[in-house]
Amino acid sequence: MSIVLDHTIVPARDKEESARFFAKVFGLRYDGAVTHFAPVRINETLTLDFDTVATFDEHHYAFKVDEQEFDAIFERIRGEKVPYGSGPRSADDMRINHRNGGRGVYFRDPSGHLLEVLTA
């Protein structure tokens, strides 16, 4: 059996707000809290379990998607008026990048985590 990441805990200032934001931008479902986590299923094998904590380091989460998914996610980012950018140090320059022949965009979630969506 190959190793598959099943779930990871994402620290948040407000787990519900972060889970709703993530699900909305990525076009996923959020069905409410389960125990003390606010889980969002990414795909058949991965769930992000948002959890409210007092203090935490901000993290970087990168998601590789196809071109059609990128278009849909990017449209939702712009529709929500979320600042976005072309790189990790320019996450608010309102541009995307074209690295490796693909496209990429960075933006922050309500807890300050840096999210990246890339196609290549």
Protein backbone atom coordinates (compact mmCIF):
# COMPACT_ATOMS: atom_id res chain seq x y z
CA MET A 1 0.00 0.00 0.00
CA SER A 2 1.29 3.46 -0.83
CA ILE A 3 1.32 6.19 1.79
CA VAL A 4 -1.69 8.50 1.56
CA LEU A 5 -2.27 11.59 3.69
CA ASP A 6 -5.72 11.03 5.21
CA HIS A 7 -6.25 14.27 7.15
CA THR A 8 -4.41 17.14 8.74
CA ILE A 9 -5.40 19.67 11.37
CA VAL A 10 -5.43 23.29 10.22
CA PRO A 11 -5.22 25.75 13.12
CA ALA A 12 -7.61 28.67 12.82
CA ARG A 13 -8.76 31.77 14.66
CA ASP A 14 -12.35 30.64 13.97
CA LYS A 15 -12.70 27.09 12.65
CA GLU A 16 -16.19 27.63 11.24
CA GLU A 17 -15.23 30.81 9.36
CA SER A 18 -12.10 29.19 7.95
CA ALA A 19 -13.87 25.98 6.92
CA ARG A 20 -16.70 27.92 5.23
CA PHE A 21 -14.22 30.19 3.42
CA PHE A 22 -12.10 27.27 2.22
CA ALA A 23 -15.10 25.25 1.05
CA LYS A 24 -16.61 28.22 -0.77
CA VAL A 25 -13.44 29.24 -2.61
CA PHE A 26 -12.53 25.68 -3.59
CA GLY A 27 -16.09 24.72 -4.56
CA LEU A 28 -16.40 22.08 -1.83
CA ARG A 29 -19.01 21.24 0.79
CA TYR A 30 -18.84 22.10 4.44
CA ASP A 31 -21.47 20.24 6.46
CA GLY A 32 -20.71 21.65 9.91
CA ALA A 33 -18.56 20.72 12.86
CA VAL A 34 -17.85 17.12 13.83
CA THR A 35 -16.65 16.81 17.43
CA HIS A 36 -14.44 19.86 17.92
CA PHE A 37 -13.23 20.00 14.29
CA ALA A 38 -14.72 21.72 11.25
CA PRO A 39 -13.80 19.23 8.49
CA VAL A 40 -13.72 19.92 4.77
CA ARG A 41 -13.24 16.90 2.49
CA ILE A 42 -10.80 17.78 -0.31
CA ASN A 43 -11.05 14.50 -2.22
CA GLU A 44 -11.54 10.77 -1.62
CA THR A 45 -8.41 10.55 0.53
CA LEU A 46 -7.88 13.92 2.24
CA THR A 47 -9.80 15.99 4.79
CA LEU A 48 -8.69 19.29 6.30
CA ASP A 49 -9.85 19.46 9.92
CA PHE A 50 -10.04 23.12 10.94
CA ASP A 51 -9.65 23.70 14.68
CA THR A 52 -9.91 26.93 16.66
CA VAL A 53 -6.75 27.59 18.66
CA ALA A 54 -5.48 30.66 20.48
CA THR A 55 -2.04 30.94 18.89
CA PHE A 56 -0.41 29.23 15.93
CA ASP A 57 2.10 29.71 13.14
CA GLU A 58 0.72 30.52 9.72
CA HIS A 59 1.22 27.72 7.19
CA HIS A 60 1.39 27.32 3.42
CA TYR A 61 -1.01 24.89 1.73
CA ALA A 62 -0.59 24.27 -2.01
CA PHE A 63 -3.16 22.52 -4.21
CA LYS A 64 -2.49 21.28 -7.73
CA VAL A 65 -5.58 21.43 -9.94
CA ASP A 66 -6.40 21.13 -13.62
CA GLU A 67 -6.98 24.19 -15.82
CA GLN A 68 -10.77 24.07 -15.51
CA GLU A 69 -10.63 23.83 -11.70
CA PHE A 70 -8.13 26.70 -11.63
CA ASP A 71 -10.51 28.90 -13.63
CA ALA A 72 -13.42 28.12 -11.28
CA ILE A 73 -11.38 28.67 -8.09
CA PHE A 74 -9.82 31.87 -9.43
CA GLU A 75 -13.27 33.20 -10.36
CA ARG A 76 -14.50 32.52 -6.81
CA ILE A 77 -11.42 34.24 -5.32
CA ARG A 78 -12.13 37.33 -7.41
CA GLY A 79 -15.87 37.11 -6.71
CA GLU A 80 -15.17 37.16 -2.96
CA LYS A 81 -12.81 40.13 -3.50
CA VAL A 82 -9.97 38.24 -1.84
CA PRO A 83 -6.56 39.85 -2.44
CA TYR A 84 -4.38 37.48 -4.47
CA GLY A 85 -0.94 37.44 -5.94
CA SER A 86 1.67 35.83 -8.11
CA GLY A 87 4.03 34.58 -5.42
CA PRO A 88 4.48 33.82 -1.73
CA ARG A 89 6.11 37.20 -1.13
CA SER A 90 3.68 39.02 -3.41
CA ALA A 91 0.40 37.46 -2.32
CA ASP A 92 -1.51 40.68 -2.92
CA ASP A 93 -0.12 42.07 -6.22
CA MET A 94 -3.39 41.05 -7.96
CA ARG A 95 -1.54 38.99 -10.58
CA ILE A 96 -1.13 35.28 -11.27
CA ASN A 97 2.08 33.54 -12.29
CA HIS A 98 2.84 31.31 -15.26
CA ARG A 99 5.59 29.10 -13.83
CA ASN A 100 6.49 25.84 -15.55
CA GLY A 101 4.03 26.52 -18.36
CA GLY A 102 1.04 26.59 -16.01
CA ARG A 103 -0.72 29.10 -13.83
CA GLY A 104 -0.56 29.78 -10.12
CA VAL A 105 -2.12 32.10 -7.57
CA TYR A 106 -1.56 32.78 -3.86
CA PHE A 107 -4.02 34.19 -1.33
CA ARG A 108 -4.61 34.20 2.42
CA ASP A 109 -7.44 32.57 4.33
CA PRO A 110 -9.18 34.30 7.27
CA SER A 111 -6.55 32.93 9.67
CA GLY A 112 -3.60 34.17 7.63
CA HIS A 113 -2.54 30.86 6.09
CA LEU A 114 -1.07 31.22 2.61
CA LEU A 115 -3.03 29.15 0.10
CA GLU A 116 -1.64 28.36 -3.34
CA VAL A 117 -3.47 26.97 -6.36
CA LEU A 118 -1.31 25.81 -9.28
CA THR A 119 -1.75 23.90 -12.52
CA ALA A 120 1.83 22.79 -13.26
